[in-house]
Each structure stands twice: as C-alpha cells, then as structure tokens.
Amino acid sequence: MGPARLWLSRAWRRAVQTARLMIGVPDYDTYVEHMRRHHPDREVMSYARFFDERLHARYRGGGGRCC
C-alpha cells in the first residue's frame, strides 16, 4: 500500500470514528485497543455487552431532557 493510500485509509477511519462519536455511537475498536494497551490483564467485553453498557451510560437517567 502506497503512502497516499495509507494516509487516505487512516483519514477515512478517523472521519468515520468522529461521525460515530458525534451521533453517539460508541467505537468498539478504540475500546478494544485501549483495553489491550492499558489493561492487558482485564477481559475485553463482547461488542454486544459493550454496546449495551454504552447505551446504559448514556441514558441511565431514564427521562428525557425536557423539564
């Protein structure tokens, strides 16, 4: 893979990650990488469990934002 193609690939991945974060979709790949680098002794959650925990963390209040 040439340098221009590698740069484009990385830029695309970052753009996708940014878009997902902007709309509230958690990035599982980033989580897995973080866990492997910083917590190698801990078990990595499955995608389904990770997604459920992120949803719970985001909406744990149960109510909307209205008064």
PDB file of N, CA and C in Angstrom:
ATOM      1  N   MET A   1       0.858  -1.178   0.000  1.00  0.00           N
ATOM      2  CA  MET A   1       0.000   0.000   0.000  1.00  0.00           C
ATOM      3  C   MET A   1       0.897   1.231   0.000  1.00  0.00           C
ATOM      4  N   GLY A   2       0.647   2.138  -0.915  1.00  0.00           N
ATOM      5  CA  GLY A   2       1.451   3.346  -1.026  1.00  0.00           C
ATOM      6  C   GLY A   2       1.142   4.337   0.079  1.00  0.00           C
ATOM      7  N   PRO A   3       2.024   5.319   0.272  1.00  0.00           N
ATOM      8  CA  PRO A   3       1.822   6.297   1.350  1.00  0.00           C
ATOM      9  C   PRO A   3       0.533   7.103   1.217  1.00  0.00           C
ATOM     10  N   ALA A   4       0.159   7.457  -0.009  1.00  0.00           N
ATOM     11  CA  ALA A   4      -1.080   8.228  -0.193  1.00  0.00           C
ATOM     12  C   ALA A   4      -2.298   7.382   0.170  1.00  0.00           C
ATOM     13  N   ARG A   5      -2.267   6.141  -0.218  1.00  0.00           N
ATOM     14  CA  ARG A   5      -3.390   5.242   0.091  1.00  0.00           C
ATOM     15  C   ARG A   5      -3.470   4.961   1.586  1.00  0.00           C
ATOM     16  N   LEU A   6      -2.333   4.800   2.234  1.00  0.00           N
ATOM     17  CA  LEU A   6      -2.300   4.585   3.679  1.00  0.00           C
ATOM     18  C   LEU A   6      -2.844   5.812   4.407  1.00  0.00           C
ATOM     19  N   TRP A   7      -2.436   6.994   3.968  1.00  0.00           N
ATOM     20  CA  TRP A   7      -2.932   8.231   4.580  1.00  0.00           C
ATOM     21  C   TRP A   7      -4.442   8.351   4.413  1.00  0.00           C
ATOM     22  N   LEU A   8      -4.930   8.049   3.217  1.00  0.00           N
ATOM     23  CA  LEU A   8      -6.361   8.123   2.939  1.00  0.00           C
ATOM     24  C   LEU A   8      -7.139   7.121   3.794  1.00  0.00           C
ATOM     25  N   SER A   9      -6.600   5.942   3.964  1.00  0.00           N
ATOM     26  CA  SER A   9      -7.243   4.919   4.788  1.00  0.00           C
ATOM     27  C   SER A   9      -7.355   5.373   6.242  1.00  0.00           C
ATOM     28  N   ARG A  10      -6.284   5.922   6.764  1.00  0.00           N
ATOM     29  CA  ARG A  10      -6.298   6.408   8.155  1.00  0.00           C
ATOM     30  C   ARG A  10      -7.251   7.595   8.314  1.00  0.00           C
ATOM     31  N   ALA A  11      -7.241   8.493   7.338  1.00  0.00           N
ATOM     32  CA  ALA A  11      -8.135   9.652   7.397  1.00  0.00           C
ATOM     33  C   ALA A  11      -9.592   9.201   7.362  1.00  0.00           C
ATOM     34  N   TRP A  12      -9.888   8.208   6.538  1.00  0.00           N
ATOM     35  CA  TRP A  12     -11.254   7.698   6.454  1.00  0.00           C
ATOM     36  C   TRP A  12     -11.687   7.091   7.788  1.00  0.00           C
ATOM     37  N   ARG A  13     -10.818   6.277   8.399  1.00  0.00           N
ATOM     38  CA  ARG A  13     -11.152   5.664   9.694  1.00  0.00           C
ATOM     39  C   ARG A  13     -11.410   6.721  10.754  1.00  0.00           C
ATOM     40  N   ARG A  14     -10.610   7.763  10.777  1.00  0.00           N
ATOM     41  CA  ARG A  14     -10.808   8.840  11.758  1.00  0.00           C
ATOM     42  C   ARG A  14     -12.091   9.608  11.494  1.00  0.00           C
ATOM     43  N   ALA A  15     -12.413   9.827  10.226  1.00  0.00           N
ATOM     44  CA  ALA A  15     -13.655  10.526   9.891  1.00  0.00           C
ATOM     45  C   ALA A  15     -14.866   9.698  10.320  1.00  0.00           C
ATOM     46  N   VAL A  16     -14.821   8.399  10.090  1.00  0.00           N
ATOM     47  CA  VAL A  16     -15.912   7.517  10.496  1.00  0.00           C
ATOM     48  C   VAL A  16     -16.040   7.509  12.021  1.00  0.00           C
ATOM     49  N   GLN A  17     -14.914   7.411  12.713  1.00  0.00           N
ATOM     50  CA  GLN A  17     -14.936   7.417  14.174  1.00  0.00           C
ATOM     51  C   GLN A  17     -15.523   8.731  14.694  1.00  0.00           C
ATOM     52  N   THR A  18     -15.118   9.841  14.127  1.00  0.00           N
ATOM     53  CA  THR A  18     -15.635  11.147  14.546  1.00  0.00           C
ATOM     54  C   THR A  18     -17.132  11.247  14.315  1.00  0.00           C
ATOM     55  N   ALA A  19     -17.581  10.792  13.164  1.00  0.00           N
ATOM     56  CA  ALA A  19     -19.018  10.837  12.861  1.00  0.00           C
ATOM     57  C   ALA A  19     -19.802   9.980  13.845  1.00  0.00           C
ATOM     58  N   ARG A  20     -19.299   8.811  14.149  1.00  0.00           N
ATOM     59  CA  ARG A  20     -19.989   7.942  15.109  1.00  0.00           C
ATOM     60  C   ARG A  20     -20.066   8.582  16.490  1.00  0.00           C
ATOM     61  N   LEU A  21     -18.982   9.186  16.927  1.00  0.00           N
ATOM     62  CA  LEU A  21     -18.984   9.833  18.234  1.00  0.00           C
ATOM     63  C   LEU A  21     -19.936  11.024  18.263  1.00  0.00           C
ATOM     64  N   MET A  22     -20.047  11.732  17.150  1.00  0.00           N
ATOM     65  CA  MET A  22     -20.936  12.891  17.085  1.00  0.00           C
ATOM     66  C   MET A  22     -22.406  12.501  17.232  1.00  0.00           C
ATOM     67  N   ILE A  23     -22.763  11.328  16.735  1.00  0.00           N
ATOM     68  CA  ILE A  23     -24.153  10.897  16.845  1.00  0.00           C
ATOM     69  C   ILE A  23     -24.373   9.943  18.015  1.00  0.00           C
ATOM     70  N   GLY A  24     -23.313   9.681  18.776  1.00  0.00           N
ATOM     71  CA  GLY A  24     -23.463   8.889  19.994  1.00  0.00           C
ATOM     72  C   GLY A  24     -23.260   7.401  19.843  1.00  0.00           C
ATOM     73  N   VAL A  25     -22.673   6.953  18.751  1.00  0.00           N
ATOM     74  CA  VAL A  25     -22.390   5.532  18.572  1.00  0.00           C
ATOM     75  C   VAL A  25     -20.970   5.274  19.092  1.00  0.00           C
ATOM     76  N   PRO A  26     -20.838   4.418  20.088  1.00  0.00           N
ATOM     77  CA  PRO A  26     -19.515   4.162  20.657  1.00  0.00           C
ATOM     78  C   PRO A  26     -18.607   3.417  19.677  1.00  0.00           C
ATOM     79  N   ASP A  27     -17.314   3.606  19.816  1.00  0.00           N
ATOM     80  CA  ASP A  27     -16.342   2.983  18.922  1.00  0.00           C
ATOM     81  C   ASP A  27     -15.709   1.783  19.612  1.00  0.00           C
ATOM     82  N   TYR A  28     -16.152   0.595  19.240  1.00  0.00           N
ATOM     83  CA  TYR A  28     -15.688  -0.649  19.867  1.00  0.00           C
ATOM     84  C   TYR A  28     -14.208  -0.892  19.596  1.00  0.00           C
ATOM     85  N   ASP A  29     -13.748  -0.624  18.391  1.00  0.00           N
ATOM     86  CA  ASP A  29     -12.341  -0.867  18.062  1.00  0.00           C
ATOM     87  C   ASP A  29     -11.406  -0.046  18.937  1.00  0.00           C
ATOM     88  N   THR A  30     -11.769   1.205  19.202  1.00  0.00           N
ATOM     89  CA  THR A  30     -10.961   2.051  20.069  1.00  0.00           C
ATOM     90  C   THR A  30     -10.951   1.498  21.491  1.00  0.00           C
ATOM     91  N   TYR A  31     -12.103   1.022  21.950  1.00  0.00           N
ATOM     92  CA  TYR A  31     -12.202   0.420  23.277  1.00  0.00           C
ATOM     93  C   TYR A  31     -11.291  -0.804  23.387  1.00  0.00           C
ATOM     94  N   VAL A  32     -11.345  -1.686  22.393  1.00  0.00           N
ATOM     95  CA  VAL A  32     -10.526  -2.906  22.410  1.00  0.00           C
ATOM     96  C   VAL A  32      -9.047  -2.550  22.426  1.00  0.00           C
ATOM     97  N   GLU A  33      -8.651  -1.602  21.601  1.00  0.00           N
ATOM     98  CA  GLU A  33      -7.246  -1.182  21.559  1.00  0.00           C
ATOM     99  C   GLU A  33      -6.812  -0.610  22.913  1.00  0.00           C
ATOM    100  N   HIS A  34      -7.663   0.216  23.513  1.00  0.00           N
ATOM    101  CA  HIS A  34      -7.359   0.791  24.823  1.00  0.00           C
ATOM    102  C   HIS A  34      -7.191  -0.308  25.876  1.00  0.00           C
ATOM    103  N   MET A  35      -8.106  -1.252  25.883  1.00  0.00           N
ATOM    104  CA  MET A  35      -8.042  -2.332  26.880  1.00  0.00           C
ATOM    105  C   MET A  35      -6.778  -3.164  26.710  1.00  0.00           C
ATOM    106  N   ARG A  36      -6.412  -3.467  25.498  1.00  0.00           N
ATOM    107  CA  ARG A  36      -5.217  -4.288  25.258  1.00  0.00           C
ATOM    108  C   ARG A  36      -3.933  -3.551  25.625  1.00  0.00           C
ATOM    109  N   ARG A  37      -3.906  -2.240  25.413  1.00  0.00           N
ATOM    110  CA  ARG A  37      -2.701  -1.464  25.738  1.00  0.00           C
ATOM    111  C   ARG A  37      -2.581  -1.160  27.224  1.00  0.00           C
ATOM    112  N   HIS A  38      -3.693  -0.743  27.832  1.00  0.00           N
ATOM    113  CA  HIS A  38      -3.629  -0.236  29.202  1.00  0.00           C
ATOM    114  C   HIS A  38      -4.104  -1.210  30.272  1.00  0.00           C
ATOM    115  N   HIS A  39      -4.868  -2.217  29.899  1.00  0.00           N
ATOM    116  CA  HIS A  39      -5.409  -3.176  30.868  1.00  0.00           C
ATOM    117  C   HIS A  39      -5.312  -4.599  30.318  1.00  0.00           C
ATOM    118  N   PRO A  40      -4.103  -5.072  30.005  1.00  0.00           N
ATOM    119  CA  PRO A  40      -3.975  -6.398  29.379  1.00  0.00           C
ATOM    120  C   PRO A  40      -4.456  -7.543  30.270  1.00  0.00           C
ATOM    121  N   ASP A  41      -4.536  -7.301  31.570  1.00  0.00           N
ATOM    122  CA  ASP A  41      -4.968  -8.344  32.494  1.00  0.00           C
ATOM    123  C   ASP A  41      -6.485  -8.457  32.593  1.00  0.00           C
ATOM    124  N   ARG A  42      -7.220  -7.478  32.051  1.00  0.00           N
ATOM    125  CA  ARG A  42      -8.680  -7.476  32.137  1.00  0.00           C
ATOM    126  C   ARG A  42      -9.305  -8.037  30.867  1.00  0.00           C
ATOM    127  N   GLU A  43     -10.468  -8.646  31.024  1.00  0.00           N
ATOM    128  CA  GLU A  43     -11.175  -9.228  29.891  1.00  0.00           C
ATOM    129  C   GLU A  43     -11.850  -8.130  29.062  1.00  0.00           C
ATOM    130  N   VAL A  44     -11.782  -8.272  27.754  1.00  0.00           N
ATOM    131  CA  VAL A  44     -12.423  -7.328  26.843  1.00  0.00           C
ATOM    132  C   VAL A  44     -13.878  -7.752  26.670  1.00  0.00           C
ATOM    133  N   MET A  45     -14.798  -6.796  26.821  1.00  0.00           N
ATOM    134  CA  MET A  45     -16.220  -7.106  26.659  1.00  0.00           C
ATOM    135  C   MET A  45     -16.533  -7.448  25.208  1.00  0.00           C
ATOM    136  N   SER A  46     -17.563  -8.249  25.017  1.00  0.00           N
ATOM    137  CA  SER A  46     -18.046  -8.533  23.667  1.00  0.00           C
ATOM    138  C   SER A  46     -18.657  -7.242  23.117  1.00  0.00           C
ATOM    139  N   TYR A  47     -18.853  -7.197  21.796  1.00  0.00           N
ATOM    140  CA  TYR A  47     -19.434  -5.999  21.194  1.00  0.00           C
ATOM    141  C   TYR A  47     -20.830  -5.740  21.757  1.00  0.00           C
ATOM    142  N   ALA A  48     -21.625  -6.802  21.892  1.00  0.00           N
ATOM    143  CA  ALA A  48     -22.996  -6.637  22.393  1.00  0.00           C
ATOM    144  C   ALA A  48     -23.006  -6.066  23.806  1.00  0.00           C
ATOM    145  N   ARG A  49     -22.150  -6.585  24.668  1.00  0.00           N
ATOM    146  CA  ARG A  49     -22.101  -6.085  26.044  1.00  0.00           C
ATOM    147  C   ARG A  49     -21.586  -4.646  26.088  1.00  0.00           C
ATOM    148  N   PHE A  50     -20.561  -4.357  25.296  1.00  0.00           N
ATOM    149  CA  PHE A  50     -20.017  -3.008  25.217  1.00  0.00           C
ATOM    150  C   PHE A  50     -21.094  -2.023  24.775  1.00  0.00           C
ATOM    151  N   PHE A  51     -21.833  -2.385  23.734  1.00  0.00           N
ATOM    152  CA  PHE A  51     -22.873  -1.509  23.214  1.00  0.00           C
ATOM    153  C   PHE A  51     -23.966  -1.286  24.256  1.00  0.00           C
ATOM    154  N   ASP A  52     -24.392  -2.363  24.929  1.00  0.00           N
ATOM    155  CA  ASP A  52     -25.408  -2.234  25.981  1.00  0.00           C
ATOM    156  C   ASP A  52     -24.943  -1.328  27.110  1.00  0.00           C
ATOM    157  N   GLU A  53     -23.694  -1.470  27.538  1.00  0.00           N
ATOM    158  CA  GLU A  53     -23.173  -0.633  28.614  1.00  0.00           C
ATOM    159  C   GLU A  53     -23.078   0.828  28.202  1.00  0.00           C
ATOM    160  N   ARG A  54     -22.702   1.087  26.958  1.00  0.00           N
ATOM    161  CA  ARG A  54     -22.642   2.469  26.478  1.00  0.00           C
ATOM    162  C   ARG A  54     -24.037   3.086  26.437  1.00  0.00           C
ATOM    163  N   LEU A  55     -25.025   2.310  25.979  1.00  0.00           N
ATOM    164  CA  LEU A  55     -26.402   2.821  25.963  1.00  0.00           C
ATOM    165  C   LEU A  55     -26.883   3.113  27.378  1.00  0.00           C
ATOM    166  N   HIS A  56     -26.582   2.206  28.295  1.00  0.00           N
ATOM    167  CA  HIS A  56     -26.989   2.406  29.684  1.00  0.00           C
ATOM    168  C   HIS A  56     -26.320   3.652  30.259  1.00  0.00           C
ATOM    169  N   ALA A  57     -25.046   3.838  29.982  1.00  0.00           N
ATOM    170  CA  ALA A  57     -24.323   5.008  30.495  1.00  0.00           C
ATOM    171  C   ALA A  57     -24.902   6.302  29.920  1.00  0.00           C
ATOM    172  N   ARG A  58     -25.321   6.249  28.680  1.00  0.00           N
ATOM    173  CA  ARG A  58     -25.848   7.460  28.041  1.00  0.00           C
ATOM    174  C   ARG A  58     -27.260   7.805  28.513  1.00  0.00           C
ATOM    175  N   TYR A  59     -28.074   6.783  28.711  1.00  0.00           N
ATOM    176  CA  TYR A  59     -29.486   7.016  29.038  1.00  0.00           C
ATOM    177  C   TYR A  59     -29.871   6.552  30.438  1.00  0.00           C
ATOM    178  N   ARG A  60     -28.936   6.457  31.341  1.00  0.00           N
ATOM    179  CA  ARG A  60     -29.216   5.888  32.656  1.00  0.00           C
ATOM    180  C   ARG A  60     -30.275   6.666  33.443  1.00  0.00           C
ATOM    181  N   GLY A  61     -30.435   7.942  33.152  1.00  0.00           N
ATOM    182  CA  GLY A  61     -31.427   8.730  33.868  1.00  0.00           C
ATOM    183  C   GLY A  61     -32.847   8.284  33.581  1.00  0.00           C
ATOM    184  N   GLY A  62     -33.066   7.688  32.433  1.00  0.00           N
ATOM    185  CA  GLY A  62     -34.367   7.178  32.081  1.00  0.00           C
ATOM    186  C   GLY A  62     -35.309   8.231  31.510  1.00  0.00           C
ATOM    187  N   GLY A  63     -35.127   9.476  31.846  1.00  0.00           N
ATOM    188  CA  GLY A  63     -36.024  10.511  31.346  1.00  0.00           C
ATOM    189  C   GLY A  63     -35.416  11.273  30.192  1.00  0.00           C
ATOM    190  N   GLY A  64     -36.228  12.097  29.605  1.00  0.00           N
ATOM    191  CA  GLY A  64     -35.731  12.944  28.528  1.00  0.00           C
ATOM    192  C   GLY A  64     -35.062  14.175  29.074  1.00  0.00           C
ATOM    193  N   ARG A  65     -34.740  15.094  28.213  1.00  0.00           N
ATOM    194  CA  ARG A  65     -34.069  16.320  28.631  1.00  0.00           C
ATOM    195  C   ARG A  65     -35.058  17.444  28.965  1.00  0.00           C
ATOM    196  N   CYS A  66     -36.299  17.163  28.735  1.00  0.00           N
ATOM    197  CA  CYS A  66     -37.303  18.208  28.978  1.00  0.00           C
ATOM    198  C   CYS A  66     -37.548  18.404  30.476  1.00  0.00           C
ATOM    199  N   CYS A  67     -38.051  19.555  30.832  1.00  0.00           N
ATOM    200  CA  CYS A  67     -38.366  19.846  32.225  1.00  0.00           C
ATOM    201  C   CYS A  67     -39.526  18.995  32.642  1.00  0.00           C
TER     202      CYS A  67
END
